[in-house]
């Protein structure tokens, strides 16, 4: 009976050692996974910050392009007005020239 109890104690100790080893292994695995999680979380945060900066840069570029477009539209309208004035002036000069040519004849 004593020998059986000793054997049982020995078996329990071996089981405890195996459980302790498994526990250490699981703790290491957990630690590694936790570190990977922290790394990925930081990577995600960095990526989000980068995306936010790019978005802000894009907004600024779009704003600048829109302002430049307004300026170009204004300049285009001014040039069209100038062209219309020059066409009117050309027509007037042609009329005057015709009149002058008629007087010369």
Protein backbone atom coordinates (compact mmCIF):
# COMPACT_ATOMS: atom_id res chain seq x y z
CA UNK A 1 0.00 0.00 0.00
CA UNK A 2 2.84 2.38 0.89
CA UNK A 3 4.60 1.57 -2.37
CA UNK A 4 1.38 2.21 -4.29
CA UNK A 5 1.02 5.59 -2.58
CA UNK A 6 4.66 6.42 -3.34
CA UNK A 7 4.06 5.50 -6.97
CA UNK A 8 0.93 7.64 -7.02
CA UNK A 9 2.88 10.57 -5.52
CA UNK A 10 5.62 10.04 -8.08
CA UNK A 11 3.04 10.01 -10.88
CA UNK A 12 1.41 13.16 -9.50
CA UNK A 13 4.80 14.91 -9.32
CA UNK A 14 5.52 13.91 -12.91
CA UNK A 15 2.12 15.22 -13.94
CA UNK A 16 2.79 18.46 -12.07
CA UNK A 17 6.17 18.84 -13.79
CA UNK A 18 4.53 18.22 -17.18
CA UNK A 19 1.77 20.73 -16.38
CA UNK A 20 4.37 23.26 -15.18
CA UNK A 21 6.35 22.81 -18.41
CA UNK A 22 3.18 23.20 -20.46
CA UNK A 23 2.30 26.29 -18.39
CA UNK A 24 5.74 27.81 -19.10
CA UNK A 25 5.33 27.00 -22.80
CA UNK A 26 1.85 28.58 -22.87
CA UNK A 27 3.09 31.66 -21.01
CA UNK A 28 5.91 32.07 -23.55
CA UNK A 29 3.47 31.61 -26.41
CA UNK A 30 1.10 34.13 -24.84
CA UNK A 31 3.97 36.58 -24.37
CA UNK A 32 5.00 36.19 -28.01
CA UNK A 33 1.43 36.62 -29.23
CA UNK A 34 0.95 39.62 -26.97
CA UNK A 35 4.12 41.21 -28.38
CA UNK A 36 2.92 40.52 -31.93
CA UNK A 37 -0.41 42.11 -31.03
CA UNK A 38 1.36 45.21 -29.68
CA UNK A 39 3.54 45.39 -32.78
CA UNK A 40 0.54 45.07 -35.09
CA UNK A 41 -1.40 47.62 -33.05
CA UNK A 42 1.48 50.08 -33.40
CA UNK A 43 1.75 49.29 -37.11
CA UNK A 44 -1.99 49.95 -37.50
CA UNK A 45 -1.69 53.21 -35.57
CA UNK A 46 1.25 54.29 -37.74
CA UNK A 47 -0.64 53.33 -40.89
CA UNK A 48 -3.72 55.26 -39.78
CA UNK A 49 -1.58 58.32 -38.98
CA UNK A 50 0.10 58.06 -42.38
CA UNK A 51 -3.27 57.72 -44.11
CA UNK A 52 -4.59 60.73 -42.19
CA UNK A 53 -1.55 62.81 -43.21
CA UNK A 54 -1.95 61.74 -46.84
CA UNK A 55 -5.64 62.61 -46.67
CA UNK A 56 -4.83 66.06 -45.30
CA UNK A 57 -2.19 66.57 -47.99
CA UNK A 58 -4.71 65.53 -50.63
CA UNK A 59 -7.25 67.97 -49.22
CA UNK A 60 -4.68 70.76 -49.41
CA UNK A 61 -3.72 69.81 -52.97
CA UNK A 62 -7.39 69.76 -53.99
CA UNK A 63 -7.99 73.12 -52.30
CA UNK A 64 -4.97 74.63 -54.06
CA UNK A 65 -6.04 73.17 -57.39
CA UNK A 66 -9.56 74.52 -56.95
CA UNK A 67 -8.17 77.98 -56.16
CA UNK A 68 -5.85 77.77 -59.16
CA UNK A 69 -8.80 76.66 -61.29
CA UNK A 70 -10.82 79.69 -60.13
CA UNK A 71 -7.93 81.93 -61.10
CA UNK A 72 -7.61 80.27 -64.47
CA UNK A 73 -11.37 80.55 -65.07
CA UNK A 74 -11.21 84.25 -64.23
CA UNK A 75 -8.23 84.72 -66.52
CA UNK A 76 -10.01 82.80 -69.29
CA UNK A 77 -13.11 85.00 -68.90
CA UNK A 78 -10.90 88.12 -69.03
CA UNK A 79 -9.21 86.84 -72.19
CA UNK A 80 -12.58 86.08 -73.78
CA UNK A 81 -13.72 89.62 -72.97
CA UNK A 82 -10.51 91.01 -74.45
CA UNK A 83 -11.03 88.88 -77.56
CA UNK A 84 -14.59 90.13 -77.94
CA UNK A 85 -13.38 93.74 -77.59
CA UNK A 86 -10.69 93.12 -80.20
CA UNK A 87 -13.22 91.58 -82.58
CA UNK A 88 -15.49 94.60 -82.16
CA UNK A 89 -12.54 96.90 -82.71
CA UNK A 90 -11.54 94.89 -85.81
CA UNK A 91 -15.07 95.17 -87.17
CA UNK A 92 -15.05 98.90 -86.50
CA UNK A 93 -11.70 99.29 -88.24
CA UNK A 94 -12.93 97.27 -91.21
CA UNK A 95 -15.97 99.55 -91.42
CA UNK A 96 -13.76 102.62 -91.23
CA UNK A 97 -11.39 101.14 -93.82
CA UNK A 98 -14.28 100.42 -96.15
CA UNK A 99 -15.44 103.98 -95.71
CA UNK A 100 -11.94 105.30 -96.31
CA UNK A 101 -11.50 103.06 -99.34
CA UNK A 102 -14.82 104.35 -100.70
CA UNK A 103 -13.73 107.95 -100.19
CA UNK A 104 -10.40 107.25 -101.87
CA UNK A 105 -12.16 105.78 -104.92
